[in-house]
PDB file of all heavy atoms in Angstrom:
ATOM      1  N   TYR A   1     -25.198  97.937  48.039  1.00  0.00           N
ATOM      2  CA  TYR A   1     -25.856  98.763  46.998  1.00  0.00           C
ATOM      3  C   TYR A   1     -25.077  99.994  46.733  1.00  0.00           C
ATOM      4  O   TYR A   1     -24.746 100.346  45.655  1.00  0.00           O
ATOM      5  CB  TYR A   1     -27.213  99.176  47.513  1.00  0.00           C
ATOM      6  CG  TYR A   1     -27.916 100.169  46.673  1.00  0.00           C
ATOM      7  CD1 TYR A   1     -28.585  99.934  45.515  1.00  0.00           C
ATOM      8  CD2 TYR A   1     -27.938 101.559  46.983  1.00  0.00           C
ATOM      9  CE1 TYR A   1     -29.172 100.790  44.726  1.00  0.00           C
ATOM     10  CE2 TYR A   1     -28.522 102.499  46.196  1.00  0.00           C
ATOM     11  CZ  TYR A   1     -29.201 102.176  45.125  1.00  0.00           C
ATOM     12  OH  TYR A   1     -29.746 103.082  44.283  1.00  0.00           O
ATOM     13  N   ALA A   2     -24.633 100.731  47.835  1.00  0.00           N
ATOM     14  CA  ALA A   2     -23.826 101.932  47.645  1.00  0.00           C
ATOM     15  C   ALA A   2     -22.422 101.680  46.972  1.00  0.00           C
ATOM     16  O   ALA A   2     -22.135 102.423  46.036  1.00  0.00           O
ATOM     17  CB  ALA A   2     -23.655 102.613  49.035  1.00  0.00           C
ATOM     18  N   TYR A   3     -21.736 100.664  47.411  1.00  0.00           N
ATOM     19  CA  TYR A   3     -20.489 100.338  46.817  1.00  0.00           C
ATOM     20  C   TYR A   3     -20.628  99.983  45.250  1.00  0.00           C
ATOM     21  O   TYR A   3     -19.666 100.237  44.600  1.00  0.00           O
ATOM     22  CB  TYR A   3     -19.903  99.146  47.523  1.00  0.00           C
ATOM     23  CG  TYR A   3     -19.107  99.525  48.881  1.00  0.00           C
ATOM     24  CD1 TYR A   3     -18.551  98.570  49.596  1.00  0.00           C
ATOM     25  CD2 TYR A   3     -19.038 100.820  49.300  1.00  0.00           C
ATOM     26  CE1 TYR A   3     -17.846  98.831  50.822  1.00  0.00           C
ATOM     27  CE2 TYR A   3     -18.514 101.178  50.540  1.00  0.00           C
ATOM     28  CZ  TYR A   3     -17.834 100.165  51.232  1.00  0.00           C
ATOM     29  OH  TYR A   3     -17.225 100.504  52.389  1.00  0.00           O
ATOM     30  N   GLY A   4     -21.761  99.445  44.950  1.00  0.00           N
ATOM     31  CA  GLY A   4     -21.923  99.065  43.536  1.00  0.00           C
ATOM     32  C   GLY A   4     -22.425 100.218  42.599  1.00  0.00           C
ATOM     33  O   GLY A   4     -22.478  99.966  41.360  1.00  0.00           O
ATOM     34  N   ARG A   5     -22.700 101.325  43.235  1.00  0.00           N
ATOM     35  CA  ARG A   5     -23.160 102.449  42.331  1.00  0.00           C
ATOM     36  C   ARG A   5     -21.919 102.905  41.387  1.00  0.00           C
ATOM     37  O   ARG A   5     -20.842 102.981  41.823  1.00  0.00           O
ATOM     38  CB  ARG A   5     -23.572 103.633  43.160  1.00  0.00           C
ATOM     39  CG  ARG A   5     -24.730 103.359  44.107  1.00  0.00           C
ATOM     40  CD  ARG A   5     -25.895 102.568  43.519  1.00  0.00           C
ATOM     41  NE  ARG A   5     -26.612 103.315  42.537  1.00  0.00           N
ATOM     42  CZ  ARG A   5     -27.533 102.831  41.677  1.00  0.00           C
ATOM     43  NH1 ARG A   5     -27.766 101.632  41.633  1.00  0.00           N
ATOM     44  NH2 ARG A   5     -28.175 103.621  40.876  1.00  0.00           N
ATOM     45  N   THR A   6     -22.257 103.178  40.107  1.00  0.00           N
ATOM     46  CA  THR A   6     -21.156 103.501  39.215  1.00  0.00           C
ATOM     47  C   THR A   6     -21.369 104.878  38.659  1.00  0.00           C
ATOM     48  O   THR A   6     -22.545 105.392  38.568  1.00  0.00           O
ATOM     49  CB  THR A   6     -21.070 102.498  38.064  1.00  0.00           C
ATOM     50  OG1 THR A   6     -22.439 102.437  37.441  1.00  0.00           O
ATOM     51  CG2 THR A   6     -20.738 101.131  38.525  1.00  0.00           C
ATOM     52  N   ASP A   7     -20.251 105.514  38.271  1.00  0.00           N
ATOM     53  CA  ASP A   7     -20.317 106.824  37.647  1.00  0.00           C
ATOM     54  C   ASP A   7     -20.568 106.681  36.156  1.00  0.00           C
ATOM     55  O   ASP A   7     -20.542 105.462  35.694  1.00  0.00           O
ATOM     56  CB  ASP A   7     -19.141 107.606  38.080  1.00  0.00           C
ATOM     57  CG  ASP A   7     -17.845 107.138  37.344  1.00  0.00           C
ATOM     58  OD1 ASP A   7     -17.850 106.254  36.633  1.00  0.00           O
ATOM     59  OD2 ASP A   7     -16.765 107.751  37.785  1.00  0.00           O
ATOM     60  N   PRO A   8     -20.730 107.648  35.352  1.00  0.00           N
ATOM     61  CA  PRO A   8     -20.783 107.510  33.941  1.00  0.00           C
ATOM     62  C   PRO A   8     -19.671 106.818  33.143  1.00  0.00           C
ATOM     63  O   PRO A   8     -19.880 106.317  32.074  1.00  0.00           O
ATOM     64  CB  PRO A   8     -21.055 109.017  33.501  1.00  0.00           C
ATOM     65  CG  PRO A   8     -21.570 109.729  34.552  1.00  0.00           C
ATOM     66  CD  PRO A   8     -20.861 109.052  35.771  1.00  0.00           C
ATOM     67  N   GLU A   9     -18.482 106.747  33.849  1.00  0.00           N
ATOM     68  CA  GLU A   9     -17.357 106.030  33.258  1.00  0.00           C
ATOM     69  C   GLU A   9     -17.310 104.484  33.731  1.00  0.00           C
ATOM     70  O   GLU A   9     -16.430 103.821  33.364  1.00  0.00           O
ATOM     71  CB  GLU A   9     -16.092 106.754  33.608  1.00  0.00           C
ATOM     72  CG  GLU A   9     -15.935 108.044  32.997  1.00  0.00           C
ATOM     73  CD  GLU A   9     -14.631 108.795  33.361  1.00  0.00           C
ATOM     74  OE1 GLU A   9     -13.856 108.193  34.140  1.00  0.00           O
ATOM     75  OE2 GLU A   9     -14.468 109.882  32.941  1.00  0.00           O
ATOM     76  N   GLY A  10     -18.298 104.107  34.488  1.00  0.00           N
ATOM     77  CA  GLY A  10     -18.383 102.767  34.993  1.00  0.00           C
ATOM     78  C   GLY A  10     -17.493 102.498  36.208  1.00  0.00           C
ATOM     79  O   GLY A  10     -17.529 101.350  36.665  1.00  0.00           O
ATOM     80  N   LYS A  11     -16.974 103.544  36.895  1.00  0.00           N
ATOM     81  CA  LYS A  11     -16.219 103.297  38.093  1.00  0.00           C
ATOM     82  C   LYS A  11     -17.174 103.200  39.284  1.00  0.00           C
ATOM     83  O   LYS A  11     -18.073 103.954  39.328  1.00  0.00           O
ATOM     84  CB  LYS A  11     -15.285 104.498  38.280  1.00  0.00           C
ATOM     85  CG  LYS A  11     -14.225 104.625  37.227  1.00  0.00           C
ATOM     86  CD  LYS A  11     -13.308 105.825  37.368  1.00  0.00           C
ATOM     87  CE  LYS A  11     -12.276 105.906  36.202  1.00  0.00           C
ATOM     88  NZ  LYS A  11     -11.480 107.197  36.309  1.00  0.00           N
ATOM     89  N   ALA A  12     -16.781 102.225  40.145  1.00  0.00           N
ATOM     90  CA  ALA A  12     -17.730 101.898  41.327  1.00  0.00           C
ATOM     91  C   ALA A  12     -17.418 102.742  42.534  1.00  0.00           C
ATOM     92  O   ALA A  12     -16.243 103.068  42.745  1.00  0.00           O
ATOM     93  CB  ALA A  12     -17.665 100.458  41.576  1.00  0.00           C
ATOM     94  N   TYR A  13     -18.460 103.164  43.226  1.00  0.00           N
ATOM     95  CA  TYR A  13     -18.265 103.937  44.406  1.00  0.00           C
ATOM     96  C   TYR A  13     -17.257 103.343  45.401  1.00  0.00           C
ATOM     97  O   TYR A  13     -16.254 103.899  45.972  1.00  0.00           O
ATOM     98  CB  TYR A  13     -19.620 104.121  45.209  1.00  0.00           C
ATOM     99  CG  TYR A  13     -19.532 105.094  46.367  1.00  0.00           C
ATOM    100  CD1 TYR A  13     -19.876 106.436  46.256  1.00  0.00           C
ATOM    101  CD2 TYR A  13     -19.101 104.662  47.678  1.00  0.00           C
ATOM    102  CE1 TYR A  13     -19.781 107.271  47.263  1.00  0.00           C
ATOM    103  CE2 TYR A  13     -19.043 105.509  48.672  1.00  0.00           C
ATOM    104  CZ  TYR A  13     -19.327 106.810  48.498  1.00  0.00           C
ATOM    105  OH  TYR A  13     -19.294 107.718  49.587  1.00  0.00           O
ATOM    106  N   GLY A  14     -17.399 101.999  45.741  1.00  0.00           N
ATOM    107  CA  GLY A  14     -16.538 101.331  46.609  1.00  0.00           C
ATOM    108  C   GLY A  14     -15.077 101.340  46.152  1.00  0.00           C
ATOM    109  O   GLY A  14     -14.139 101.601  47.016  1.00  0.00           O
ATOM    110  N   ASP A  15     -14.816 101.233  44.924  1.00  0.00           N
ATOM    111  CA  ASP A  15     -13.487 101.154  44.358  1.00  0.00           C
ATOM    112  C   ASP A  15     -12.853 102.555  44.509  1.00  0.00           C
ATOM    113  O   ASP A  15     -11.683 102.815  44.807  1.00  0.00           O
ATOM    114  CB  ASP A  15     -13.436 100.693  42.989  1.00  0.00           C
ATOM    115  CG  ASP A  15     -13.849  99.202  42.812  1.00  0.00           C
ATOM    116  OD1 ASP A  15     -13.718  98.491  43.772  1.00  0.00           O
ATOM    117  OD2 ASP A  15     -14.294  98.902  41.637  1.00  0.00           O
ATOM    118  N   GLU A  16     -13.630 103.580  44.142  1.00  0.00           N
ATOM    119  CA  GLU A  16     -13.147 104.958  44.154  1.00  0.00           C
ATOM    120  C   GLU A  16     -12.819 105.449  45.543  1.00  0.00           C
ATOM    121  O   GLU A  16     -11.902 106.223  45.902  1.00  0.00           O
ATOM    122  CB  GLU A  16     -14.135 105.832  43.421  1.00  0.00           C
ATOM    123  CG  GLU A  16     -14.129 105.763  41.878  1.00  0.00           C
ATOM    124  CD  GLU A  16     -12.747 106.137  41.386  1.00  0.00           C
ATOM    125  OE1 GLU A  16     -12.546 107.362  41.084  1.00  0.00           O
ATOM    126  OE2 GLU A  16     -11.875 105.207  41.165  1.00  0.00           O
ATOM    127  N   LEU A  17     -13.681 104.991  46.473  1.00  0.00           N
ATOM    128  CA  LEU A  17     -13.509 105.374  47.925  1.00  0.00           C
ATOM    129  C   LEU A  17     -12.132 104.861  48.464  1.00  0.00           C
ATOM    130  O   LEU A  17     -11.417 105.572  49.135  1.00  0.00           O
ATOM    131  CB  LEU A  17     -14.580 104.794  48.809  1.00  0.00           C
ATOM    132  CG  LEU A  17     -14.703 105.143  50.297  1.00  0.00           C
ATOM    133  CD1 LEU A  17     -14.699 106.662  50.523  1.00  0.00           C
ATOM    134  CD2 LEU A  17     -15.748 104.441  50.963  1.00  0.00           C
ATOM    135  N   LYS A  18     -11.913 103.596  48.131  1.00  0.00           N
ATOM    136  CA  LYS A  18     -10.530 103.023  48.459  1.00  0.00           C
ATOM    137  C   LYS A  18      -9.418 103.771  47.727  1.00  0.00           C
ATOM    138  O   LYS A  18      -8.410 104.111  48.220  1.00  0.00           O
ATOM    139  CB  LYS A  18     -10.420 101.544  47.989  1.00  0.00           C
ATOM    140  CG  LYS A  18     -11.197 100.583  48.863  1.00  0.00           C
ATOM    141  CD  LYS A  18     -11.086  99.232  48.393  1.00  0.00           C
ATOM    142  CE  LYS A  18     -12.044  98.293  49.046  1.00  0.00           C
ATOM    143  NZ  LYS A  18     -12.215  97.031  48.321  1.00  0.00           N
ATOM    144  N   ARG A  19      -9.662 104.048  46.405  1.00  0.00           N
ATOM    145  CA  ARG A  19      -8.547 104.700  45.600  1.00  0.00           C
ATOM    146  C   ARG A  19      -8.089 106.063  46.179  1.00  0.00           C
ATOM    147  O   ARG A  19      -6.889 106.258  46.204  1.00  0.00           O
ATOM    148  CB  ARG A  19      -9.095 104.981  44.176  1.00  0.00           C
ATOM    149  CG  ARG A  19      -8.057 105.510  43.204  1.00  0.00           C
ATOM    150  CD  ARG A  19      -8.621 105.983  41.885  1.00  0.00           C
ATOM    151  NE  ARG A  19      -9.512 107.093  41.961  1.00  0.00           N
ATOM    152  CZ  ARG A  19      -9.058 108.370  42.113  1.00  0.00           C
ATOM    153  NH1 ARG A  19      -7.798 108.651  42.098  1.00  0.00           N
ATOM    154  NH2 ARG A  19      -9.952 109.385  42.201  1.00  0.00           N
ATOM    155  N   ILE A  20      -9.086 106.899  46.658  1.00  0.00           N
ATOM    156  CA  ILE A  20      -8.649 108.091  47.206  1.00  0.00           C
ATOM    157  C   ILE A  20      -8.195 108.114  48.721  1.00  0.00           C
ATOM    158  O   ILE A  20      -7.799 109.153  49.226  1.00  0.00           O
ATOM    159  CB  ILE A  20      -9.729 109.194  47.049  1.00  0.00           C
ATOM    160  CG1 ILE A  20     -10.972 108.909  47.951  1.00  0.00           C
ATOM    161  CG2 ILE A  20     -10.182 109.387  45.614  1.00  0.00           C
ATOM    162  CD1 ILE A  20     -11.883 110.180  48.153  1.00  0.00           C
ATOM    163  N   GLY A  21      -8.289 106.915  49.299  1.00  0.00           N
ATOM    164  CA  GLY A  21      -7.743 106.702  50.657  1.00  0.00           C
ATOM    165  C   GLY A  21      -8.670 107.124  51.758  1.00  0.00           C
ATOM    166  O   GLY A  21      -8.178 107.416  52.951  1.00  0.00           O
ATOM    167  N   TRP A  22     -10.041 107.214  51.520  1.00  0.00           N
ATOM    168  CA  TRP A  22     -10.923 107.609  52.588  1.00  0.00           C
ATOM    169  C   TRP A  22     -11.910 106.572  52.902  1.00  0.00           C
ATOM    170  O   TRP A  22     -13.024 106.870  53.341  1.00  0.00           O
ATOM    171  CB  TRP A  22     -11.655 109.025  52.092  1.00  0.00           C
ATOM    172  CG  TRP A  22     -10.622 110.076  52.368  1.00  0.00           C
ATOM    173  CD1 TRP A  22      -9.755 110.687  51.514  1.00  0.00           C
ATOM    174  CD2 TRP A  22     -10.513 110.800  53.647  1.00  0.00           C
ATOM    175  NE1 TRP A  22      -9.057 111.701  52.175  1.00  0.00           N
ATOM    176  CE2 TRP A  22      -9.525 111.822  53.418  1.00  0.00           C
ATOM    177  CE3 TRP A  22     -11.101 110.656  54.877  1.00  0.00           C
ATOM    178  CZ2 TRP A  22      -9.107 112.656  54.486  1.00  0.00           C
ATOM    179  CZ3 TRP A  22     -10.688 111.624  55.909  1.00  0.00           C
ATOM    180  CH2 TRP A  22      -9.697 112.503  55.723  1.00  0.00           C
ATOM    181  N   LEU A  23     -11.582 105.304  52.792  1.00  0.00           N
ATOM    182  CA  LEU A  23     -12.342 104.185  53.296  1.00  0.00           C
ATOM    183  C   LEU A  23     -12.164 104.081  54.783  1.00  0.00           C
ATOM    184  O   LEU A  23     -11.019 103.670  55.198  1.00  0.00           O
ATOM    185  CB  LEU A  23     -12.042 102.971  52.508  1.00  0.00           C
ATOM    186  CG  LEU A  23     -12.680 101.542  53.111  1.00  0.00           C
ATOM    187  CD1 LEU A  23     -14.291 101.668  53.004  1.00  0.00           C
ATOM    188  CD2 LEU A  23     -12.198 100.389  52.393  1.00  0.00           C
ATOM    189  N   GLY A  24     -13.176 104.369  55.618  1.00  0.00           N
ATOM    190  CA  GLY A  24     -13.047 104.346  57.047  1.00  0.00           C
ATOM    191  C   GLY A  24     -13.419 102.918  57.558  1.00  0.00           C
ATOM    192  O   GLY A  24     -13.737 102.037  56.792  1.00  0.00           O
ATOM    193  N   ASP A  25     -13.227 102.792  58.843  1.00  0.00           N
ATOM    194  CA  ASP A  25     -13.460 101.468  59.380  1.00  0.00           C
ATOM    195  C   ASP A  25     -14.745 101.347  60.262  1.00  0.00           C
ATOM    196  O   ASP A  25     -15.115 100.279  60.752  1.00  0.00           O
ATOM    197  CB  ASP A  25     -12.231 100.941  60.306  1.00  0.00           C
ATOM    198  CG  ASP A  25     -11.868 101.939  61.323  1.00  0.00           C
ATOM    199  OD1 ASP A  25     -12.538 102.966  61.482  1.00  0.00           O
ATOM    200  OD2 ASP A  25     -10.863 101.809  61.943  1.00  0.00           O
ATOM    201  N   GLU A  26     -15.350 102.486  60.524  1.00  0.00           N
ATOM    202  CA  GLU A  26     -16.550 102.544  61.385  1.00  0.00           C
ATOM    203  C   GLU A  26     -17.719 101.889  60.488  1.00  0.00           C
ATOM    204  O   GLU A  26     -17.956 102.191  59.317  1.00  0.00           O
ATOM    205  CB  GLU A  26     -16.989 103.928  61.664  1.00  0.00           C
ATOM    206  CG  GLU A  26     -16.163 104.528  62.767  1.00  0.00           C
ATOM    207  CD  GLU A  26     -16.763 105.928  63.211  1.00  0.00           C
ATOM    208  OE1 GLU A  26     -18.053 106.159  62.912  1.00  0.00           O
ATOM    209  OE2 GLU A  26     -16.098 106.679  63.831  1.00  0.00           O
ATOM    210  N   GLU A  27     -18.543 101.033  61.260  1.00  0.00           N
ATOM    211  CA  GLU A  27     -19.792 100.632  60.588  1.00  0.00           C
ATOM    212  C   GLU A  27     -20.747 101.769  60.333  1.00  0.00           C
ATOM    213  O   GLU A  27     -20.892 102.615  61.284  1.00  0.00           O
ATOM    214  CB  GLU A  27     -20.416  99.539  61.493  1.00  0.00           C
ATOM    215  CG  GLU A  27     -19.715  98.341  61.769  1.00  0.00           C
ATOM    216  CD  GLU A  27     -19.388  97.509  60.312  1.00  0.00           C
ATOM    217  OE1 GLU A  27     -20.339  97.591  59.462  1.00  0.00           O
ATOM    218  OE2 GLU A  27     -18.336  96.969  60.253  1.00  0.00           O
ATOM    219  N   VAL A  28     -21.350 101.747  59.208  1.00  0.00           N
ATOM    220  CA  VAL A  28     -22.246 102.952  58.951  1.00  0.00           C
ATOM    221  C   VAL A  28     -23.487 102.801  59.677  1.00  0.00           C
ATOM    222  O   VAL A  28     -24.144 101.863  59.631  1.00  0.00           O
ATOM    223  CB  VAL A  28     -22.483 102.851  57.284  1.00  0.00           C
ATOM    224  CG1 VAL A  28     -23.312 104.144  57.005  1.00  0.00           C
ATOM    225  CG2 VAL A  28     -21.246 102.896  56.512  1.00  0.00           C
ATOM    226  N   GLY A  29     -23.760 103.905  60.351  1.00  0.00           N
ATOM    227  CA  GLY A  29     -25.099 104.042  61.098  1.00  0.00           C
ATOM    228  C   GLY A  29     -24.932 103.512  62.552  1.00  0.00           C
ATOM    229  O   GLY A  29     -25.911 103.521  63.310  1.00  0.00           O
ATOM    230  N   ALA A  30     -23.699 103.066  62.902  1.00  0.00           N
ATOM    231  CA  ALA A  30     -23.536 102.574  64.332  1.00  0.00           C
ATOM    232  C   ALA A  30     -23.629 103.788  65.297  1.00  0.00           C
ATOM    233  O   ALA A  30     -23.964 103.530  66.453  1.00  0.00           O
ATOM    234  CB  ALA A  30     -22.167 101.840  64.388  1.00  0.00           C
ATOM    235  N   ARG A  31     -23.284 104.990  64.863  1.00  0.00           N
ATOM    236  CA  ARG A  31     -23.349 106.069  65.746  1.00  0.00           C
ATOM    237  C   ARG A  31     -24.788 106.477  66.077  1.00  0.00           C
ATOM    238  O   ARG A  31     -25.622 106.372  65.246  1.00  0.00           O
ATOM    239  CB  ARG A  31     -22.706 107.322  65.073  1.00  0.00           C
ATOM    240  CG  ARG A  31     -21.228 107.287  64.856  1.00  0.00           C
ATOM    241  CD  ARG A  31     -20.634 108.309  64.000  1.00  0.00           C
ATOM    242  NE  ARG A  31     -19.120 108.354  64.087  1.00  0.00           N
ATOM    243  CZ  ARG A  31     -18.478 109.095  64.922  1.00  0.00           C
ATOM    244  NH1 ARG A  31     -19.111 110.031  65.680  1.00  0.00           N
ATOM    245  NH2 ARG A  31     -17.130 109.126  64.925  1.00  0.00           N
ATOM    246  N   LYS A  32     -25.010 106.864  67.341  1.00  0.00           N
ATOM    247  CA  LYS A  32     -26.232 107.319  67.844  1.00  0.00           C
ATOM    248  C   LYS A  32     -26.354 108.905  67.912  1.00  0.00           C
ATOM    249  O   LYS A  32     -25.346 109.447  68.434  1.00  0.00           O
ATOM    250  CB  LYS A  32     -26.670 106.706  69.036  1.00  0.00           C
ATOM    251  CG  LYS A  32     -26.582 105.178  69.059  1.00  0.00           C
ATOM    252  CD  LYS A  32     -27.564 104.591  67.978  1.00  0.00           C
ATOM    253  CE  LYS A  32     -27.558 103.130  67.885  1.00  0.00           C
ATOM    254  NZ  LYS A  32     -28.145 102.588  66.666  1.00  0.00           N
TER     255      LYS A  32
END
C-alpha cells in the first residue's frame, strides 16, 4: 500500500525511495 502511494505528479513512493538511494533492507516493524 505504502509503495503504491503516488504524489501529485504520479510518482510512486516505492520508486522514489529507490531513486534517492534510501531503500533499506530491514523488514518494517521487525524492531521491538
